[in-house]
N, C-alpha and C. Protein backbone atom coordinates (compact mmCIF):
# COMPACT_ATOMS: atom_id res chain seq x y z
N MET A 1 93.23 189.32 15.16
CA MET A 1 94.32 188.43 15.56
C MET A 1 94.37 188.37 17.09
N ALA A 2 94.44 187.21 17.63
CA ALA A 2 94.48 187.03 19.08
C ALA A 2 95.87 187.34 19.61
N CYS A 3 95.90 187.92 20.79
CA CYS A 3 97.18 188.21 21.44
C CYS A 3 97.52 187.03 22.35
N HIS A 4 98.72 186.52 22.22
CA HIS A 4 99.10 185.33 22.98
C HIS A 4 100.13 185.61 24.06
N ASP A 5 100.61 186.87 24.17
CA ASP A 5 101.78 187.03 25.02
C ASP A 5 101.48 187.27 26.48
N SER A 6 100.32 187.74 26.85
CA SER A 6 99.94 187.93 28.25
C SER A 6 101.07 188.58 29.06
N GLY A 7 101.81 189.48 28.43
CA GLY A 7 102.87 190.17 29.15
C GLY A 7 104.13 189.35 29.30
N ARG A 8 104.22 188.17 28.68
CA ARG A 8 105.39 187.30 28.85
C ARG A 8 106.32 187.34 27.65
N GLY A 9 106.06 188.22 26.70
CA GLY A 9 106.88 188.21 25.50
C GLY A 9 106.30 187.24 24.49
N GLU A 10 106.96 187.11 23.35
CA GLU A 10 106.48 186.24 22.28
C GLU A 10 106.58 184.77 22.70
N LEU A 11 105.46 184.05 22.54
CA LEU A 11 105.45 182.62 22.85
C LEU A 11 106.10 181.84 21.71
N GLU A 12 106.69 180.71 22.05
CA GLU A 12 107.30 179.87 21.02
C GLU A 12 106.20 179.21 20.19
N ARG A 13 106.43 179.19 18.89
CA ARG A 13 105.49 178.56 17.96
C ARG A 13 105.93 177.13 17.69
N ILE A 14 104.94 176.27 17.46
CA ILE A 14 105.23 174.88 17.14
C ILE A 14 105.93 174.81 15.79
N GLY A 15 107.07 174.16 15.77
CA GLY A 15 107.85 173.95 14.56
C GLY A 15 108.80 172.78 14.79
N LYS A 16 109.61 172.50 13.80
CA LYS A 16 110.54 171.37 13.87
C LYS A 16 111.41 171.47 15.12
N HIS A 17 111.52 170.37 15.82
CA HIS A 17 112.35 170.18 17.01
C HIS A 17 111.84 170.98 18.22
N GLN A 18 110.53 171.26 18.23
CA GLN A 18 109.92 171.86 19.40
C GLN A 18 109.31 170.72 20.22
N ALA A 19 109.49 170.80 21.55
CA ALA A 19 108.82 169.87 22.45
C ALA A 19 107.42 170.43 22.70
N VAL A 20 106.42 169.64 22.39
CA VAL A 20 105.04 170.11 22.46
C VAL A 20 104.25 169.20 23.40
N THR A 21 103.48 169.82 24.27
CA THR A 21 102.60 169.08 25.17
C THR A 21 101.16 169.45 24.83
N VAL A 22 100.32 168.43 24.66
CA VAL A 22 98.92 168.64 24.29
C VAL A 22 98.00 167.76 25.13
N THR A 23 96.74 168.15 25.19
CA THR A 23 95.66 167.27 25.61
C THR A 23 94.73 167.19 24.40
N TYR A 24 93.90 166.14 24.34
CA TYR A 24 93.07 166.00 23.15
C TYR A 24 91.80 165.21 23.44
N ARG A 25 90.88 165.36 22.50
CA ARG A 25 89.64 164.59 22.50
C ARG A 25 89.42 164.17 21.06
N ILE A 26 88.91 162.96 20.84
CA ILE A 26 88.57 162.48 19.51
C ILE A 26 87.07 162.27 19.46
N SER A 27 86.42 162.82 18.43
CA SER A 27 84.99 162.60 18.27
C SER A 27 84.73 161.90 16.94
N ASP A 28 83.62 161.17 16.88
CA ASP A 28 83.24 160.48 15.65
C ASP A 28 82.44 161.43 14.76
N SER A 29 81.98 160.95 13.61
CA SER A 29 81.28 161.80 12.66
C SER A 29 79.95 162.33 13.21
N ALA A 30 79.42 161.70 14.25
CA ALA A 30 78.19 162.17 14.87
C ALA A 30 78.47 163.16 16.01
N GLY A 31 79.77 163.43 16.26
CA GLY A 31 80.14 164.37 17.31
C GLY A 31 80.28 163.75 18.69
N ARG A 32 80.11 162.44 18.79
CA ARG A 32 80.25 161.76 20.08
C ARG A 32 81.73 161.60 20.43
N THR A 33 82.08 161.86 21.67
CA THR A 33 83.45 161.65 22.12
C THR A 33 83.73 160.17 22.21
N VAL A 34 84.78 159.72 21.49
CA VAL A 34 85.14 158.30 21.49
C VAL A 34 86.44 158.06 22.25
N GLU A 35 87.21 159.12 22.47
CA GLU A 35 88.43 159.02 23.27
C GLU A 35 88.76 160.41 23.78
N GLN A 36 89.25 160.48 25.01
CA GLN A 36 89.65 161.75 25.58
C GLN A 36 90.86 161.55 26.46
N ASN A 37 91.84 162.46 26.35
CA ASN A 37 93.03 162.39 27.18
C ASN A 37 93.26 163.77 27.78
N ASP A 38 92.96 163.90 29.08
CA ASP A 38 93.14 165.16 29.79
C ASP A 38 94.51 165.24 30.46
N LEU A 39 95.27 164.14 30.41
CA LEU A 39 96.64 164.17 30.91
C LEU A 39 97.54 164.61 29.77
N PRO A 40 98.40 165.60 29.99
CA PRO A 40 99.25 166.09 28.90
C PRO A 40 100.12 164.99 28.29
N VAL A 41 100.16 165.00 26.96
CA VAL A 41 100.96 164.07 26.16
C VAL A 41 102.04 164.89 25.46
N GLY A 42 103.29 164.43 25.54
CA GLY A 42 104.39 165.17 24.93
C GLY A 42 104.95 164.48 23.70
N TYR A 43 105.35 165.28 22.72
CA TYR A 43 105.99 164.76 21.52
C TYR A 43 106.95 165.82 20.98
N VAL A 44 107.84 165.41 20.08
CA VAL A 44 108.76 166.34 19.43
C VAL A 44 108.24 166.56 18.01
N HIS A 45 107.92 167.81 17.69
CA HIS A 45 107.34 168.16 16.40
C HIS A 45 108.36 167.99 15.29
N GLY A 46 107.92 167.38 14.19
CA GLY A 46 108.78 167.22 13.03
C GLY A 46 109.71 166.03 13.09
N GLY A 47 109.53 165.19 14.09
CA GLY A 47 110.35 163.99 14.22
C GLY A 47 109.49 162.75 14.10
N ASP A 48 109.89 161.71 14.80
CA ASP A 48 109.13 160.46 14.82
C ASP A 48 108.14 160.54 15.97
N SER A 49 107.14 161.40 15.83
CA SER A 49 106.23 161.73 16.94
C SER A 49 105.18 160.68 17.21
N GLY A 50 104.79 159.92 16.19
CA GLY A 50 103.71 158.97 16.36
C GLY A 50 102.35 159.59 16.11
N LEU A 51 102.29 160.91 15.90
CA LEU A 51 101.04 161.56 15.58
C LEU A 51 100.67 161.31 14.13
N PHE A 52 99.38 161.36 13.84
CA PHE A 52 98.95 161.29 12.45
C PHE A 52 99.49 162.52 11.75
N PRO A 53 100.07 162.35 10.54
CA PRO A 53 100.69 163.48 9.85
C PRO A 53 99.79 164.71 9.72
N LYS A 54 98.51 164.51 9.42
CA LYS A 54 97.60 165.65 9.24
C LYS A 54 97.39 166.41 10.55
N VAL A 55 97.40 165.70 11.68
CA VAL A 55 97.26 166.35 12.98
C VAL A 55 98.52 167.17 13.27
N GLU A 56 99.68 166.57 13.04
CA GLU A 56 100.93 167.29 13.28
C GLU A 56 101.02 168.52 12.39
N GLN A 57 100.64 168.40 11.12
CA GLN A 57 100.67 169.54 10.21
C GLN A 57 99.74 170.65 10.68
N ALA A 58 98.57 170.28 11.19
CA ALA A 58 97.60 171.27 11.66
C ALA A 58 98.13 172.04 12.87
N LEU A 59 98.99 171.42 13.67
CA LEU A 59 99.54 172.07 14.87
C LEU A 59 100.69 173.02 14.54
N ASP A 60 101.28 172.86 13.36
CA ASP A 60 102.43 173.67 12.96
C ASP A 60 102.09 175.16 13.07
N GLY A 61 102.96 175.91 13.75
CA GLY A 61 102.80 177.36 13.87
C GLY A 61 101.96 177.82 15.04
N HIS A 62 101.32 176.90 15.75
CA HIS A 62 100.48 177.28 16.89
C HIS A 62 101.32 177.49 18.14
N VAL A 63 100.71 178.13 19.15
CA VAL A 63 101.39 178.44 20.40
C VAL A 63 100.59 177.87 21.58
N SER A 64 101.21 177.86 22.74
CA SER A 64 100.57 177.40 23.97
C SER A 64 99.24 178.13 24.16
N GLY A 65 98.21 177.35 24.47
CA GLY A 65 96.88 177.91 24.69
C GLY A 65 95.97 177.76 23.48
N ASP A 66 96.54 177.58 22.29
CA ASP A 66 95.72 177.42 21.08
C ASP A 66 94.96 176.11 21.11
N ARG A 67 93.82 176.14 20.45
CA ARG A 67 93.01 174.93 20.26
C ARG A 67 92.90 174.69 18.76
N VAL A 68 93.14 173.44 18.37
CA VAL A 68 93.15 173.08 16.95
C VAL A 68 92.20 171.91 16.74
N GLU A 69 91.41 172.00 15.68
CA GLU A 69 90.49 170.93 15.34
C GLU A 69 90.83 170.45 13.94
N VAL A 70 90.98 169.14 13.78
CA VAL A 70 91.31 168.59 12.46
C VAL A 70 90.55 167.27 12.26
N THR A 71 89.90 167.16 11.09
CA THR A 71 89.12 165.97 10.76
C THR A 71 89.93 165.07 9.83
N LEU A 72 89.93 163.78 10.14
CA LEU A 72 90.68 162.80 9.37
C LEU A 72 89.74 161.74 8.82
N SER A 73 89.93 161.41 7.56
CA SER A 73 89.19 160.31 6.94
C SER A 73 89.79 159.00 7.43
N PRO A 74 89.11 157.87 7.19
CA PRO A 74 89.68 156.59 7.64
C PRO A 74 91.10 156.35 7.12
N ASP A 75 91.36 156.70 5.84
CA ASP A 75 92.70 156.43 5.30
C ASP A 75 93.76 157.37 5.89
N GLU A 76 93.36 158.48 6.51
CA GLU A 76 94.30 159.39 7.16
C GLU A 76 94.48 159.05 8.64
N ALA A 77 93.60 158.19 9.16
CA ALA A 77 93.62 157.91 10.60
C ALA A 77 93.82 156.42 10.87
N PHE A 78 92.75 155.71 11.19
CA PHE A 78 92.85 154.34 11.68
C PHE A 78 92.62 153.28 10.62
N GLY A 79 92.52 153.70 9.35
CA GLY A 79 92.36 152.76 8.26
C GLY A 79 90.92 152.31 8.06
N ASP A 80 90.71 151.60 6.97
CA ASP A 80 89.39 151.04 6.69
C ASP A 80 89.18 149.80 7.54
N HIS A 81 87.92 149.47 7.78
CA HIS A 81 87.59 148.25 8.51
C HIS A 81 87.84 147.06 7.60
N ASP A 82 88.65 146.10 8.07
CA ASP A 82 89.00 144.91 7.28
C ASP A 82 88.17 143.73 7.78
N PRO A 83 87.17 143.30 7.01
CA PRO A 83 86.33 142.18 7.44
C PRO A 83 87.11 140.89 7.69
N ALA A 84 88.29 140.75 7.08
CA ALA A 84 89.10 139.54 7.27
C ALA A 84 89.66 139.45 8.69
N LEU A 85 89.55 140.55 9.46
CA LEU A 85 90.03 140.54 10.85
C LEU A 85 88.90 140.33 11.86
N THR A 86 87.72 139.92 11.37
CA THR A 86 86.58 139.65 12.23
C THR A 86 86.26 138.16 12.16
N PHE A 87 86.15 137.54 13.33
CA PHE A 87 85.90 136.10 13.40
C PHE A 87 84.75 135.80 14.36
N VAL A 88 83.96 134.80 14.00
CA VAL A 88 82.83 134.36 14.83
C VAL A 88 83.07 132.91 15.19
N ASP A 89 82.80 132.57 16.48
CA ASP A 89 82.97 131.19 16.92
C ASP A 89 81.84 130.87 17.90
N ASP A 90 81.59 129.58 18.08
CA ASP A 90 80.61 129.14 19.07
C ASP A 90 81.10 129.54 20.45
N LEU A 91 80.22 130.06 21.26
CA LEU A 91 80.55 130.50 22.61
C LEU A 91 81.18 129.36 23.42
N ASP A 92 80.76 128.14 23.18
CA ASP A 92 81.30 126.98 23.90
C ASP A 92 82.79 126.76 23.63
N ASN A 93 83.30 127.26 22.50
CA ASN A 93 84.71 127.10 22.14
C ASN A 93 85.61 128.18 22.74
N VAL A 94 85.00 129.13 23.42
CA VAL A 94 85.74 130.29 23.92
C VAL A 94 85.93 130.17 25.43
N PRO A 95 87.16 130.34 25.92
CA PRO A 95 87.40 130.29 27.37
C PRO A 95 86.52 131.31 28.11
N PRO A 96 86.07 130.98 29.31
CA PRO A 96 85.15 131.84 30.06
C PRO A 96 85.64 133.28 30.25
N GLN A 97 86.94 133.48 30.43
CA GLN A 97 87.44 134.84 30.69
C GLN A 97 87.25 135.79 29.50
N PHE A 98 86.94 135.23 28.32
CA PHE A 98 86.76 136.07 27.13
C PHE A 98 85.28 136.20 26.74
N ARG A 99 84.40 135.68 27.57
CA ARG A 99 82.97 135.70 27.25
C ARG A 99 82.30 136.95 27.77
N ARG A 100 82.89 138.12 27.43
CA ARG A 100 82.28 139.40 27.79
C ARG A 100 82.66 140.44 26.76
N LEU A 101 81.76 141.37 26.50
CA LEU A 101 82.04 142.43 25.53
C LEU A 101 83.23 143.25 25.99
N GLY A 102 84.10 143.55 25.05
CA GLY A 102 85.28 144.36 25.37
C GLY A 102 86.49 143.55 25.80
N ALA A 103 86.31 142.27 26.09
CA ALA A 103 87.46 141.44 26.47
C ALA A 103 88.45 141.43 25.32
N GLU A 104 89.73 141.41 25.66
CA GLU A 104 90.78 141.42 24.64
C GLU A 104 91.62 140.17 24.74
N VAL A 105 92.01 139.65 23.59
CA VAL A 105 92.87 138.48 23.52
C VAL A 105 93.93 138.74 22.46
N GLU A 106 95.16 138.42 22.79
CA GLU A 106 96.24 138.57 21.82
C GLU A 106 96.43 137.24 21.11
N MET A 107 96.42 137.31 19.78
CA MET A 107 96.59 136.10 18.98
C MET A 107 97.86 136.23 18.14
N VAL A 108 98.53 135.10 17.92
CA VAL A 108 99.77 135.07 17.15
C VAL A 108 99.56 134.14 15.96
N ASN A 109 99.95 134.61 14.76
CA ASN A 109 99.79 133.78 13.57
C ASN A 109 101.04 132.93 13.32
N ALA A 110 101.04 132.19 12.23
CA ALA A 110 102.15 131.28 11.90
C ALA A 110 103.47 132.02 11.66
N ARG A 111 103.40 133.31 11.29
CA ARG A 111 104.62 134.11 11.07
C ARG A 111 105.07 134.81 12.35
N ASN A 112 104.49 134.42 13.48
CA ASN A 112 104.81 134.97 14.80
C ASN A 112 104.46 136.45 14.92
N GLU A 113 103.47 136.90 14.14
CA GLU A 113 102.96 138.27 14.24
C GLU A 113 101.78 138.25 15.20
N SER A 114 101.76 139.23 16.11
CA SER A 114 100.66 139.25 17.08
C SER A 114 99.71 140.41 16.79
N ARG A 115 98.46 140.22 17.17
CA ARG A 115 97.43 141.24 17.03
C ARG A 115 96.44 141.05 18.17
N THR A 116 95.95 142.17 18.67
CA THR A 116 94.95 142.12 19.73
C THR A 116 93.56 142.12 19.11
N PHE A 117 92.73 141.21 19.56
CA PHE A 117 91.34 141.12 19.12
C PHE A 117 90.44 141.45 20.30
N ARG A 118 89.34 142.17 20.02
CA ARG A 118 88.37 142.53 21.04
C ARG A 118 87.06 141.79 20.79
N VAL A 119 86.41 141.39 21.87
CA VAL A 119 85.08 140.79 21.75
C VAL A 119 84.10 141.94 21.48
N THR A 120 83.44 141.88 20.32
CA THR A 120 82.55 142.97 19.93
C THR A 120 81.07 142.59 19.94
N ASP A 121 80.79 141.27 20.00
CA ASP A 121 79.38 140.85 19.99
C ASP A 121 79.27 139.45 20.58
N ILE A 122 78.20 139.26 21.34
CA ILE A 122 77.85 137.93 21.86
C ILE A 122 76.35 137.80 21.66
N ALA A 123 75.95 136.86 20.81
CA ALA A 123 74.52 136.68 20.54
C ALA A 123 74.28 135.30 19.97
N ASP A 124 73.15 134.73 20.32
CA ASP A 124 72.71 133.45 19.78
C ASP A 124 73.77 132.36 19.88
N GLY A 125 74.48 132.30 21.01
CA GLY A 125 75.49 131.27 21.22
C GLY A 125 76.77 131.48 20.44
N GLN A 126 76.93 132.65 19.86
CA GLN A 126 78.11 132.97 19.07
C GLN A 126 78.83 134.18 19.68
N LEU A 127 80.14 134.17 19.51
CA LEU A 127 80.97 135.27 20.00
C LEU A 127 81.78 135.80 18.82
N THR A 128 81.82 137.13 18.68
CA THR A 128 82.56 137.78 17.59
C THR A 128 83.75 138.53 18.16
N VAL A 129 84.93 138.30 17.56
CA VAL A 129 86.13 139.06 17.92
C VAL A 129 86.56 139.85 16.68
N ASP A 130 87.15 141.03 16.94
CA ASP A 130 87.54 141.92 15.85
C ASP A 130 88.95 142.42 16.10
N GLY A 131 89.84 142.25 15.11
CA GLY A 131 91.22 142.69 15.22
C GLY A 131 91.46 144.08 14.65
N ASN A 132 90.41 144.73 14.15
CA ASN A 132 90.55 146.10 13.66
C ASN A 132 90.66 147.07 14.83
N HIS A 133 91.28 148.22 14.59
CA HIS A 133 91.26 149.29 15.60
C HIS A 133 89.80 149.67 15.81
N PRO A 134 89.39 149.99 17.04
CA PRO A 134 87.98 150.33 17.29
C PRO A 134 87.46 151.48 16.42
N LEU A 135 88.35 152.36 15.94
CA LEU A 135 87.91 153.48 15.10
C LEU A 135 88.16 153.26 13.61
N ALA A 136 88.55 152.03 13.23
CA ALA A 136 88.76 151.72 11.81
C ALA A 136 87.48 151.97 11.03
N GLY A 137 87.63 152.56 9.85
CA GLY A 137 86.49 152.81 8.99
C GLY A 137 85.72 154.07 9.32
N GLN A 138 86.16 154.81 10.33
CA GLN A 138 85.42 156.00 10.75
C GLN A 138 86.18 157.28 10.44
N THR A 139 85.44 158.33 10.09
CA THR A 139 85.98 159.67 10.00
C THR A 139 85.96 160.23 11.41
N VAL A 140 87.09 160.74 11.88
CA VAL A 140 87.19 161.24 13.25
C VAL A 140 87.73 162.67 13.26
N THR A 141 87.40 163.39 14.32
CA THR A 141 87.91 164.75 14.49
C THR A 141 88.72 164.80 15.77
N PHE A 142 89.95 165.30 15.66
CA PHE A 142 90.82 165.52 16.80
C PHE A 142 90.63 166.96 17.26
N HIS A 143 90.35 167.13 18.55
CA HIS A 143 90.22 168.44 19.18
C HIS A 143 91.43 168.55 20.10
N VAL A 144 92.43 169.33 19.70
CA VAL A 144 93.71 169.37 20.40
C VAL A 144 93.88 170.71 21.09
N HIS A 145 94.29 170.66 22.36
CA HIS A 145 94.59 171.87 23.13
C HIS A 145 96.10 171.89 23.37
N VAL A 146 96.78 172.88 22.82
CA VAL A 146 98.22 173.01 22.99
C VAL A 146 98.49 173.53 24.40
N ARG A 147 99.23 172.79 25.19
CA ARG A 147 99.52 173.15 26.57
C ARG A 147 100.85 173.85 26.75
N GLU A 148 101.89 173.33 26.06
CA GLU A 148 103.23 173.91 26.22
C GLU A 148 104.02 173.71 24.94
N VAL A 149 104.85 174.70 24.61
CA VAL A 149 105.76 174.61 23.46
C VAL A 149 107.10 175.16 23.92
N ARG A 150 108.16 174.37 23.69
CA ARG A 150 109.51 174.80 24.06
C ARG A 150 110.51 174.10 23.16
N ALA A 151 111.74 174.56 23.19
CA ALA A 151 112.79 173.89 22.42
C ALA A 151 113.03 172.50 23.01
N ALA A 152 113.14 171.51 22.15
CA ALA A 152 113.41 170.14 22.61
C ALA A 152 114.90 169.98 22.86
N THR A 153 115.23 169.11 23.81
CA THR A 153 116.64 168.78 24.06
C THR A 153 117.12 167.81 22.99
N ALA A 154 118.42 167.64 22.88
CA ALA A 154 118.99 166.69 21.91
C ALA A 154 118.48 165.28 22.17
N GLU A 155 118.34 164.90 23.45
CA GLU A 155 117.85 163.56 23.79
C GLU A 155 116.39 163.40 23.36
N GLU A 156 115.57 164.44 23.57
CA GLU A 156 114.17 164.37 23.18
C GLU A 156 114.05 164.29 21.66
N ILE A 157 114.87 165.03 20.94
CA ILE A 157 114.85 164.99 19.48
C ILE A 157 115.19 163.59 18.99
N ALA A 158 116.20 162.98 19.58
CA ALA A 158 116.61 161.63 19.19
C ALA A 158 115.51 160.61 19.46
N ALA A 159 114.81 160.77 20.58
CA ALA A 159 113.75 159.82 20.97
C ALA A 159 112.44 160.11 20.24
N GLY A 160 112.23 161.35 19.82
CA GLY A 160 110.97 161.72 19.18
C GLY A 160 109.85 162.03 20.14
N ARG A 161 110.12 161.87 21.42
CA ARG A 161 109.11 162.15 22.46
C ARG A 161 109.80 162.34 23.80
N PHE A 162 109.02 162.72 24.79
CA PHE A 162 109.59 162.92 26.14
C PHE A 162 108.58 162.55 27.19
């Protein structure tokens, strides 16, 4: 069993209504890093944190300094890739500012719902945009480093984050 106190007494464990600060990296099934955040991100554990439930559950009981790794299937993370959200058009029909890979355009449907589409392919005079999350359809692993754990304030609990 690892010792976590470093002479400071018992560290607070992650649990309901704890303010938790983490950094993280996300890797794909091949182990390639697809996203990394080295700036600490704060959330309130057990509330409306915005974290994927399986990630939050994996952090339960950990203390500052711990590293947690959790793998999520597409249905636990960013969902399956929906081919209905991929569109191809002639390059001539697309405004010049969107004629580059990675360009993003927000589109609104008849029900006034908006979605961001990314340019994912340009070939043979055609341009493809995709409204799926870039990690949709992929199994991903979150590598989380717990930075700080403390009691959340009433305001932080109400907001679900800080």
